[in-house]
Amino acid sequence: MFRSMPVGEMQMSTRLMMLALGVVACALGTAAVADDYAQWRGPRRDGVSLEKNIAASWPAGGPKLLWQIKDAGFGYGSVSVAGERVVSIGSTGKTDEYVQARSLKDGKLLWQTRIGKVGNPDQQPNYPGARTTPTVVGTSVYALGSDGDLACLDTVSGKVVWQKNLQRDFGGKLGIWAYSESPLIDGDKVIVTPGGADATVVALDRKTGAVIWKCAVPGADVAGYASAMLMESGGSKQVVQYMGKGLVGIDASTGKFLWRFDKTFDTRFQMHAFTPIIDGNQVYTGSASAQGLARIGAAGADAVYVDKRLPGSIGGAVKVGGYVYGASQTGLMCVEFASGKVMWEDRSVGPSQVCAVDGKLIVHGENGDVALVAAISGAYKELGRFTPAGAPDRGQAKAWAYPVVSGGKLFIRDLGVVSVYAIK
């Protein structure tokens, strides 16, 4: 286990502090409130914020900047907001990965804890670094590092409660771009994806780290780069996850393997980083090669449609009403969920990450620009756009962090820079 460092000690190590944060995720001290965003892609992990009364448009320079920190450490992950703290993962160069907590009010650093090292630091293409979002439940933070270091930390102090390594403890098998999923909480279980033959997906007791079940997915799949979702199908709860060789369904109570859907499988790179969109017994999913809709039944998964043109960008898309909004490799798209019909496409923002709030889309381009777009199917309608001040020199790196809306604030992370704006 690794130790946590109080603020006083961290002030003696400024260089570490400035490189330590990676993925902002707001952590609490008690229970989450209604507008918290305490895990990957929000309260329901679907990229849709529950907030209302968001500003209808933005001025030319963008919304008001409340605070900004530039010592977030290197990372591609997103933020989770809960209570009065901001918790995140970041890396120092190609070596250490840390979890940090900051004050929601002003970004003040509260604690940081090293959880492990950077996974596969010599990846090609070269995108090493922290890439996940911690999950916060009550007084616990669950964080997964890119080398497979899974830690449960105390929200208030940052002390390690328990820790596992997915490769060492479960024989995990990671892909070329290392571990990229954000932990899924299901009641008393924390669910993660080591990959490999014997424990491809595992459920652990979230209080102790003890194994509840292991699922050996046929084919000894490597872990994909997506984050798991829960769905109800046929009267049972299932874990839906994108592995190296396709989308799979697993019984959430027992860990029994149920089905596989490989119609959107990326045969070239096994680049599966799309968080599934769940609607009843239907799952919209995608990869770098193809996207589509699967219908889950007693006999397994069948394709409703598959199309290489549809949104399938890193991280996922959002469903608002009967439409999916997300990015392809060229730009933002609106697609009818039921049929896959493309309603409109706009390339001005380019490849991007999207969240939905109050009938609008907040779009974070890979180039760092941020746009406000109406979530309507008739045509692309932009309501504002700005380039955040203080953006980092990202070189080959991309601004892959998803925007987050919580408490009337917009959180934008770009590698080591986190900016917070007032948007009500």
Protein backbone atom coordinates (compact mmCIF):
# COMPACT_ATOMS: atom_id res chain seq x y z
CA MET A 1 0.00 0.00 0.00
CA PHE A 2 1.03 3.58 -0.54
CA ARG A 3 0.79 6.36 1.98
CA SER A 4 -1.12 9.64 1.80
CA MET A 5 0.59 13.01 2.36
CA PRO A 6 -0.98 15.89 4.31
CA VAL A 7 -0.90 19.36 2.82
CA GLY A 8 1.98 20.51 5.02
CA GLU A 9 4.24 17.78 3.71
CA MET A 10 3.14 18.39 0.14
CA GLN A 11 4.16 22.03 0.38
CA MET A 12 7.72 20.79 0.87
CA SER A 13 7.46 18.93 -2.44
CA THR A 14 6.08 21.50 -4.86
CA ARG A 15 7.22 19.68 -7.96
CA LEU A 16 5.28 16.55 -7.05
CA MET A 17 2.25 18.57 -6.11
CA MET A 18 2.25 20.40 -9.43
CA LEU A 19 2.31 17.16 -11.37
CA ALA A 20 0.03 15.08 -9.25
CA LEU A 21 -3.61 15.55 -10.17
CA GLY A 22 -5.04 13.80 -13.15
CA VAL A 23 -8.72 13.33 -13.51
CA VAL A 24 -10.99 15.60 -11.49
CA ALA A 25 -13.76 13.82 -9.66
CA CYS A 26 -15.58 15.59 -6.90
CA ALA A 27 -15.56 13.65 -3.68
CA LEU A 28 -17.70 14.16 -0.66
CA GLY A 29 -17.58 13.52 3.04
CA THR A 30 -21.16 12.41 3.50
CA ALA A 31 -23.87 11.42 1.04
CA ALA A 32 -24.02 12.80 -2.47
CA VAL A 33 -26.62 15.45 -3.21
CA ALA A 34 -28.93 15.65 -6.21
CA ASP A 35 -26.63 17.68 -8.46
CA ASP A 36 -23.47 15.71 -7.63
CA TYR A 37 -21.47 14.14 -10.44
CA ALA A 38 -19.61 11.60 -8.32
CA GLN A 39 -18.54 9.12 -10.99
CA TRP A 40 -17.67 8.72 -14.65
CA ARG A 41 -20.27 10.49 -16.82
CA GLY A 42 -22.51 11.47 -13.93
CA PRO A 43 -25.25 10.08 -11.67
CA ARG A 44 -26.36 7.40 -14.16
CA ARG A 45 -23.04 7.03 -16.02
CA ASP A 46 -24.79 8.16 -19.20
CA GLY A 47 -23.29 11.61 -19.69
CA VAL A 48 -26.55 13.39 -18.84
CA SER A 49 -26.55 15.95 -16.03
CA LEU A 50 -29.76 16.31 -14.03
CA GLU A 51 -29.37 20.08 -13.61
CA LYS A 52 -31.86 22.66 -14.85
CA ASN A 53 -31.88 26.39 -15.59
CA ILE A 54 -28.53 26.40 -17.36
CA ALA A 55 -27.74 29.57 -19.34
CA ALA A 56 -29.40 29.52 -22.76
CA SER A 57 -26.29 30.86 -24.51
CA TRP A 58 -22.72 31.97 -23.82
CA PRO A 59 -21.06 35.34 -24.41
CA ALA A 60 -18.25 35.59 -26.95
CA GLY A 61 -15.51 34.92 -24.40
CA GLY A 62 -17.35 32.05 -22.77
CA PRO A 63 -18.93 31.81 -19.31
CA LYS A 64 -17.37 33.37 -16.21
CA LEU A 65 -14.24 31.60 -14.97
CA LEU A 66 -14.53 30.85 -11.24
CA TRP A 67 -11.16 29.19 -10.69
CA GLN A 68 -8.44 27.37 -12.55
CA ILE A 69 -5.56 25.14 -11.45
CA LYS A 70 -2.63 24.12 -13.62
CA ASP A 71 -1.03 21.50 -11.39
CA ALA A 72 -3.50 18.71 -12.09
CA GLY A 73 -0.85 16.31 -13.36
CA PHE A 74 -1.02 14.58 -16.71
CA GLY A 75 -4.28 12.84 -17.48
CA TYR A 76 -7.09 12.24 -19.94
CA GLY A 77 -9.86 11.44 -17.46
CA SER A 78 -12.88 13.45 -16.45
CA VAL A 79 -14.32 14.98 -13.30
CA SER A 80 -16.82 13.72 -10.76
CA VAL A 81 -18.47 16.18 -8.40
CA ALA A 82 -19.83 15.35 -4.94
CA GLY A 83 -20.15 17.40 -1.79
CA GLU A 84 -17.38 19.94 -1.29
CA ARG A 85 -14.39 18.04 -2.69
CA VAL A 86 -12.82 17.36 -6.05
CA VAL A 87 -10.99 14.03 -6.35
CA SER A 88 -8.85 13.06 -9.30
CA ILE A 89 -6.14 10.86 -10.79
CA GLY A 90 -3.02 12.19 -12.48
CA SER A 91 0.44 11.07 -13.43
CA THR A 92 3.95 12.42 -13.02
CA GLY A 93 5.67 11.96 -16.35
CA LYS A 94 5.64 8.25 -17.20
CA THR A 95 6.13 7.09 -13.62
CA ASP A 96 3.81 7.66 -10.67
CA GLU A 97 0.03 8.06 -10.55
CA TYR A 98 -1.71 9.91 -7.74
CA VAL A 99 -5.21 10.54 -6.47
CA GLN A 100 -5.81 14.08 -5.24
CA ALA A 101 -8.62 15.88 -3.45
CA ARG A 102 -9.28 19.59 -3.87
CA SER A 103 -11.76 22.06 -2.47
CA LEU A 104 -14.79 22.58 -4.66
CA LYS A 105 -14.87 26.22 -3.58
CA ASP A 106 -11.47 27.35 -4.85
CA GLY A 107 -9.44 24.34 -6.02
CA LYS A 108 -7.23 24.29 -2.92
CA LEU A 109 -5.30 21.03 -2.61
CA LEU A 110 -6.43 18.96 0.39
CA TRP A 111 -4.52 15.69 0.00
CA GLN A 112 -2.79 13.44 -2.47
CA THR A 113 -2.06 9.70 -2.39
CA ARG A 114 0.17 7.71 -4.70
CA ILE A 115 -1.59 4.55 -5.91
CA GLY A 116 0.84 3.10 -8.45
CA LYS A 117 2.76 3.63 -11.66
CA VAL A 118 1.81 4.53 -15.22
CA GLY A 119 0.67 1.51 -17.24
CA ASN A 120 2.48 0.60 -20.46
CA PRO A 121 4.51 3.85 -20.56
CA ASP A 122 5.95 3.10 -24.02
CA GLN A 123 2.62 2.68 -25.85
CA GLN A 124 2.45 3.33 -29.56
CA PRO A 125 0.81 5.66 -30.48
CA ASN A 126 2.28 7.44 -27.51
CA TYR A 127 -0.57 8.37 -25.14
CA PRO A 128 0.57 7.12 -21.72
CA GLY A 129 -0.76 8.65 -18.52
CA ALA A 130 -3.70 8.63 -16.13
CA ARG A 131 -6.94 8.00 -18.00
CA THR A 132 -9.72 7.15 -15.56
CA THR A 133 -12.23 8.91 -13.30
CA PRO A 134 -12.54 7.97 -9.61
CA THR A 135 -15.92 6.87 -8.27
CA VAL A 136 -17.02 8.41 -4.97
CA VAL A 137 -19.54 6.73 -2.66
CA GLY A 138 -20.04 8.19 0.81
CA THR A 139 -16.66 8.30 2.56
CA SER A 140 -14.91 6.13 -0.03
CA VAL A 141 -13.10 6.94 -3.26
CA TYR A 142 -12.51 4.09 -5.73
CA ALA A 143 -9.71 4.81 -8.18
CA LEU A 144 -8.12 2.65 -10.87
CA GLY A 145 -4.66 3.52 -12.17
CA SER A 146 -3.55 2.79 -15.72
CA ASP A 147 -1.29 -0.08 -14.56
CA GLY A 148 -4.23 -1.77 -12.83
CA ASP A 149 -3.77 -0.39 -9.31
CA LEU A 150 -7.27 -0.33 -7.79
CA ALA A 151 -7.48 1.58 -4.52
CA CYS A 152 -10.21 2.37 -2.03
CA LEU A 153 -9.31 5.60 -0.25
CA ASP A 154 -10.85 7.55 2.59
CA THR A 155 -12.47 10.66 1.16
CA VAL A 156 -11.49 12.95 4.02
CA SER A 157 -7.88 11.91 4.62
CA GLY A 158 -6.84 10.15 1.43
CA LYS A 159 -5.60 7.14 3.41
CA VAL A 160 -5.66 3.78 1.65
CA VAL A 161 -8.40 1.48 3.01
CA TRP A 162 -7.54 -1.43 0.71
CA GLN A 163 -5.75 -1.96 -2.58
CA LYS A 164 -5.47 -4.54 -5.36
CA ASN A 165 -3.55 -4.79 -8.62
CA LEU A 166 -5.53 -6.23 -11.52
CA GLN A 167 -2.50 -7.84 -13.15
CA ARG A 168 -0.83 -9.24 -10.05
CA ASP A 169 -3.92 -10.30 -8.08
CA PHE A 170 -6.16 -11.51 -10.93
CA GLY A 171 -3.82 -12.37 -13.81
CA GLY A 172 -5.18 -9.39 -15.71
CA LYS A 173 -4.35 -8.77 -19.35
CA LEU A 174 -4.40 -5.16 -20.46
CA GLY A 175 -4.43 -3.74 -23.98
CA ILE A 176 -1.76 -1.56 -25.56
CA TRP A 177 -3.32 1.65 -24.16
CA ALA A 178 -3.37 0.30 -20.58
CA TYR A 179 -6.29 0.28 -18.13
CA SER A 180 -8.78 3.03 -18.91
CA GLU A 181 -12.06 2.13 -17.17
CA SER A 182 -13.67 3.91 -14.25
CA PRO A 183 -14.91 1.63 -11.43
CA LEU A 184 -18.60 0.66 -11.39
CA ILE A 185 -20.41 0.44 -8.04
CA ASP A 186 -23.37 -1.93 -7.71
CA GLY A 187 -24.63 -1.93 -4.12
CA ASP A 188 -21.91 -3.50 -1.99
CA LYS A 189 -19.80 -4.41 -5.03
CA VAL A 190 -17.13 -2.58 -7.00
CA ILE A 191 -16.82 -4.03 -10.51
CA VAL A 192 -13.70 -3.78 -12.66
CA THR A 193 -12.22 -5.50 -15.72
CA PRO A 194 -8.78 -7.09 -15.30
CA GLY A 195 -8.97 -8.98 -18.61
CA GLY A 196 -7.31 -12.36 -19.06
CA ALA A 197 -8.46 -15.96 -18.78
CA ASP A 198 -9.62 -16.54 -15.22
CA ALA A 199 -10.96 -13.23 -13.91
CA THR A 200 -11.81 -11.23 -17.01
CA VAL A 201 -14.32 -9.19 -15.00
CA VAL A 202 -14.45 -9.22 -11.18
CA ALA A 203 -16.75 -7.96 -8.43
CA LEU A 204 -15.15 -7.09 -5.10
CA ASP A 205 -16.63 -6.19 -1.74
CA ARG A 206 -16.32 -2.44 -1.81
CA LYS A 207 -15.64 -2.24 1.94
CA THR A 208 -12.86 -4.84 2.10
CA GLY A 209 -11.73 -5.66 -1.42
CA ALA A 210 -12.63 -9.34 -0.96
CA VAL A 211 -13.66 -11.21 -4.11
CA ILE A 212 -17.44 -11.70 -4.52
CA TRP A 213 -17.32 -13.22 -8.00
CA LYS A 214 -15.04 -13.70 -10.99
CA CYS A 215 -16.20 -14.07 -14.58
CA ALA A 216 -14.01 -15.94 -17.05
CA VAL A 217 -15.17 -14.49 -20.36
CA PRO A 218 -14.67 -17.08 -23.15
CA GLY A 219 -11.65 -16.30 -25.30
CA ALA A 220 -9.49 -14.88 -22.49
CA ASP A 221 -10.24 -11.35 -23.64
CA VAL A 222 -7.90 -8.48 -22.91
CA ALA A 223 -9.51 -5.60 -21.06
CA GLY A 224 -11.02 -2.98 -23.34
CA TYR A 225 -10.89 0.75 -22.67
CA ALA A 226 -14.56 1.34 -21.87
CA SER A 227 -16.34 1.62 -18.52
CA ALA A 228 -19.01 -0.92 -17.59
CA MET A 229 -22.74 -0.21 -17.30
CA LEU A 230 -25.67 -1.94 -15.58
CA MET A 231 -28.85 -2.97 -17.36
CA GLU A 232 -32.03 -4.93 -16.61
CA SER A 233 -32.88 -7.67 -19.09
CA GLY A 234 -35.13 -10.68 -18.73
CA GLY A 235 -35.80 -9.90 -15.09
CA SER A 236 -32.12 -9.89 -14.10
CA LYS A 237 -29.46 -7.25 -13.65
CA GLN A 238 -26.51 -7.48 -16.01
CA VAL A 239 -23.07 -5.91 -16.26
CA VAL A 240 -22.47 -4.74 -19.83
CA GLN A 241 -18.84 -4.16 -20.79
CA TYR A 242 -16.80 -3.77 -23.96
CA MET A 243 -13.88 -6.20 -23.95
CA GLY A 244 -11.04 -6.51 -26.44
CA LYS A 245 -13.13 -8.77 -28.70
CA GLY A 246 -16.59 -7.30 -28.32
CA LEU A 247 -19.43 -6.30 -26.00
CA VAL A 248 -20.35 -8.83 -23.29
CA GLY A 249 -23.16 -9.33 -20.77
CA ILE A 250 -22.56 -10.82 -17.31
CA ASP A 251 -25.01 -11.63 -14.52
CA ALA A 252 -24.43 -8.90 -11.93
CA SER A 253 -25.28 -11.15 -8.97
CA THR A 254 -23.32 -14.29 -9.84
CA GLY A 255 -20.75 -13.28 -12.45
CA LYS A 256 -22.08 -15.81 -14.96
CA PHE A 257 -21.17 -15.04 -18.57
CA LEU A 258 -24.36 -14.52 -20.62
CA TRP A 259 -23.70 -13.22 -24.13
CA ARG A 260 -21.34 -11.52 -26.55
CA PHE A 261 -22.02 -8.98 -29.33
CA ASP A 262 -19.18 -8.63 -31.85
CA LYS A 263 -20.85 -6.87 -34.79
CA THR A 264 -19.12 -3.58 -33.90
CA PHE A 265 -15.77 -5.24 -33.11
CA ASP A 266 -12.66 -3.29 -34.14
CA THR A 267 -10.60 -5.93 -35.93
CA ARG A 268 -7.56 -3.70 -36.45
CA PHE A 269 -6.70 -2.20 -33.05
CA GLN A 270 -9.40 -3.62 -30.75
CA MET A 271 -10.04 0.03 -29.91
CA HIS A 272 -13.13 -0.28 -27.73
CA ALA A 273 -13.41 2.82 -25.57
CA PHE A 274 -17.12 3.59 -25.93
CA THR A 275 -19.30 3.45 -22.81
CA PRO A 276 -22.50 1.61 -23.85
CA ILE A 277 -25.80 3.52 -23.94
CA ILE A 278 -28.54 1.44 -22.30
CA ASP A 279 -32.26 1.84 -23.09
CA GLY A 280 -34.39 -1.05 -21.83
CA ASN A 281 -33.05 -4.18 -23.50
CA GLN A 282 -31.26 -2.23 -26.22
CA VAL A 283 -27.60 -1.22 -26.19
CA TYR A 284 -26.01 1.37 -28.47
CA THR A 285 -22.31 0.66 -28.76
CA GLY A 286 -19.34 1.42 -30.94
CA SER A 287 -15.64 1.11 -31.66
CA ALA A 288 -13.06 2.69 -33.92
CA SER A 289 -14.44 0.56 -36.79
CA ALA A 290 -18.24 0.40 -36.47
CA GLN A 291 -21.18 1.48 -34.35
CA GLY A 292 -24.67 0.13 -33.90
CA LEU A 293 -27.59 -1.00 -31.79
CA ALA A 294 -27.95 -4.43 -30.20
CA ARG A 295 -31.13 -5.96 -28.79
CA ILE A 296 -30.60 -8.26 -25.81
CA GLY A 297 -32.90 -11.26 -25.43
CA ALA A 298 -33.02 -14.68 -23.83
CA ALA A 299 -30.97 -16.15 -26.67
CA GLY A 300 -28.30 -13.46 -26.58
CA ALA A 301 -27.64 -10.27 -28.53
CA ASP A 302 -28.84 -9.47 -32.05
CA ALA A 303 -27.98 -6.50 -34.25
CA VAL A 304 -30.72 -3.95 -34.97
CA TYR A 305 -28.34 -1.96 -37.17
CA VAL A 306 -24.60 -1.50 -37.69
CA ASP A 307 -23.07 1.49 -39.49
CA LYS A 308 -19.46 2.67 -39.75
CA ARG A 309 -20.51 6.34 -39.99
CA LEU A 310 -22.15 6.74 -36.58
CA PRO A 311 -20.85 8.27 -33.32
CA GLY A 312 -18.34 6.00 -31.62
CA SER A 313 -15.72 8.31 -30.16
CA ILE A 314 -13.55 7.68 -27.14
CA GLY A 315 -15.66 7.52 -23.98
CA GLY A 316 -19.15 7.53 -25.45
CA ALA A 317 -22.12 9.60 -26.58
CA VAL A 318 -25.35 10.79 -24.95
CA LYS A 319 -29.00 9.93 -25.55
CA VAL A 320 -31.52 12.77 -25.26
CA GLY A 321 -35.08 11.77 -26.06
CA GLY A 322 -35.01 9.48 -29.07
CA TYR A 323 -31.65 10.67 -30.38
CA VAL A 324 -27.96 9.95 -29.82
CA TYR A 325 -25.54 12.88 -29.89
CA GLY A 326 -21.85 12.19 -30.13
CA ALA A 327 -18.73 12.49 -32.21
CA SER A 328 -17.38 10.44 -35.06
CA GLN A 329 -13.78 10.76 -36.20
CA THR A 330 -14.73 13.93 -38.08
CA GLY A 331 -17.29 15.82 -36.02
CA LEU A 332 -20.48 15.99 -33.99
CA MET A 333 -23.53 13.99 -35.10
CA CYS A 334 -27.19 13.49 -34.23
CA VAL A 335 -28.55 10.00 -34.92
CA GLU A 336 -32.00 8.51 -34.40
CA PHE A 337 -31.54 5.87 -31.69
CA ALA A 338 -34.12 3.40 -33.01
CA SER A 339 -33.01 3.36 -36.65
CA GLY A 340 -29.47 4.72 -36.85
CA LYS A 341 -30.62 7.42 -39.28
CA VAL A 342 -28.23 10.38 -39.37
CA MET A 343 -30.18 13.58 -38.69
CA TRP A 344 -27.30 16.02 -38.98
CA GLU A 345 -23.52 16.30 -38.80
CA ASP A 346 -21.27 19.29 -38.11
CA ARG A 347 -17.49 19.20 -38.47
CA SER A 348 -16.66 22.62 -37.03
CA VAL A 349 -15.83 21.29 -33.55
CA GLY A 350 -14.17 18.15 -34.87
CA PRO A 351 -13.68 14.99 -32.80
CA SER A 352 -14.99 15.78 -29.33
CA GLN A 353 -16.49 14.63 -26.04
CA VAL A 354 -20.10 15.47 -25.14
CA CYS A 355 -22.30 15.83 -22.08
CA ALA A 356 -25.99 16.78 -22.05
CA VAL A 357 -27.71 19.17 -19.67
CA ASP A 358 -31.07 20.95 -19.68
CA GLY A 359 -31.78 20.36 -23.37
CA LYS A 360 -28.30 21.38 -24.44
CA LEU A 361 -24.99 19.73 -25.28
CA ILE A 362 -21.63 20.85 -23.96
CA VAL A 363 -18.97 19.75 -26.41
CA HIS A 364 -15.24 19.59 -25.56
CA GLY A 365 -13.16 19.32 -28.71
CA GLU A 366 -9.91 17.38 -28.84
CA ASN A 367 -8.27 20.74 -29.66
CA GLY A 368 -9.49 22.17 -26.33
CA ASP A 369 -12.35 24.34 -27.63
CA VAL A 370 -15.70 24.20 -25.81
CA ALA A 371 -19.08 24.68 -27.52
CA LEU A 372 -22.69 24.92 -26.36
CA VAL A 373 -25.10 23.26 -28.81
CA ALA A 374 -28.87 22.79 -28.77
CA ALA A 375 -29.89 19.15 -28.30
CA ILE A 376 -32.35 19.16 -31.20
CA SER A 377 -32.67 16.73 -34.10
CA GLY A 378 -33.66 19.22 -36.79
CA ALA A 379 -30.30 20.88 -37.40
CA TYR A 380 -27.01 21.80 -35.74
CA LYS A 381 -27.55 24.97 -33.70
CA GLU A 382 -24.60 26.44 -31.84
CA LEU A 383 -25.29 28.63 -28.80
CA GLY A 384 -21.75 29.67 -27.96
CA ARG A 385 -18.12 28.66 -28.22
CA PHE A 386 -14.86 29.62 -26.56
CA THR A 387 -11.24 28.57 -26.15
CA PRO A 388 -10.35 28.25 -22.45
CA ALA A 389 -7.57 30.56 -21.33
CA GLY A 390 -4.47 28.93 -19.89
CA ALA A 391 -4.65 25.83 -22.10
CA PRO A 392 -1.63 23.52 -21.88
CA ASP A 393 0.88 22.81 -24.62
CA ARG A 394 -0.42 19.34 -25.40
CA GLY A 395 1.89 18.35 -28.26
CA GLN A 396 0.60 15.00 -29.57
CA ALA A 397 -1.82 14.65 -26.67
CA LYS A 398 -5.56 15.28 -27.02
CA ALA A 399 -8.14 17.00 -24.81
CA TRP A 400 -10.08 13.78 -24.18
CA ALA A 401 -11.65 14.67 -20.82
CA TYR A 402 -15.45 14.82 -20.80
CA PRO A 403 -17.12 18.04 -19.62
CA VAL A 404 -18.98 17.86 -16.32
CA VAL A 405 -21.85 20.00 -15.02
CA SER A 406 -22.63 20.12 -11.29
CA GLY A 407 -23.94 22.78 -8.93
CA GLY A 408 -24.32 25.34 -11.70
CA LYS A 409 -20.66 24.92 -12.64
CA LEU A 410 -18.93 23.57 -15.72
CA PHE A 411 -15.70 21.62 -15.15
CA ILE A 412 -13.30 21.36 -18.08
CA ARG A 413 -10.10 19.37 -17.79
CA ASP A 414 -7.34 19.60 -20.40
CA LEU A 415 -4.41 17.39 -19.40
CA GLY A 416 -3.00 19.16 -16.31
CA VAL A 417 -5.34 22.17 -16.36
CA VAL A 418 -8.76 22.19 -14.69
CA SER A 419 -11.03 25.19 -15.28
CA VAL A 420 -14.35 25.80 -13.52
CA TYR A 421 -17.02 28.12 -14.96
CA ALA A 422 -20.37 29.52 -13.79
CA ILE A 423 -23.07 28.51 -16.28
CA LYS A 424 -26.39 29.30 -14.58
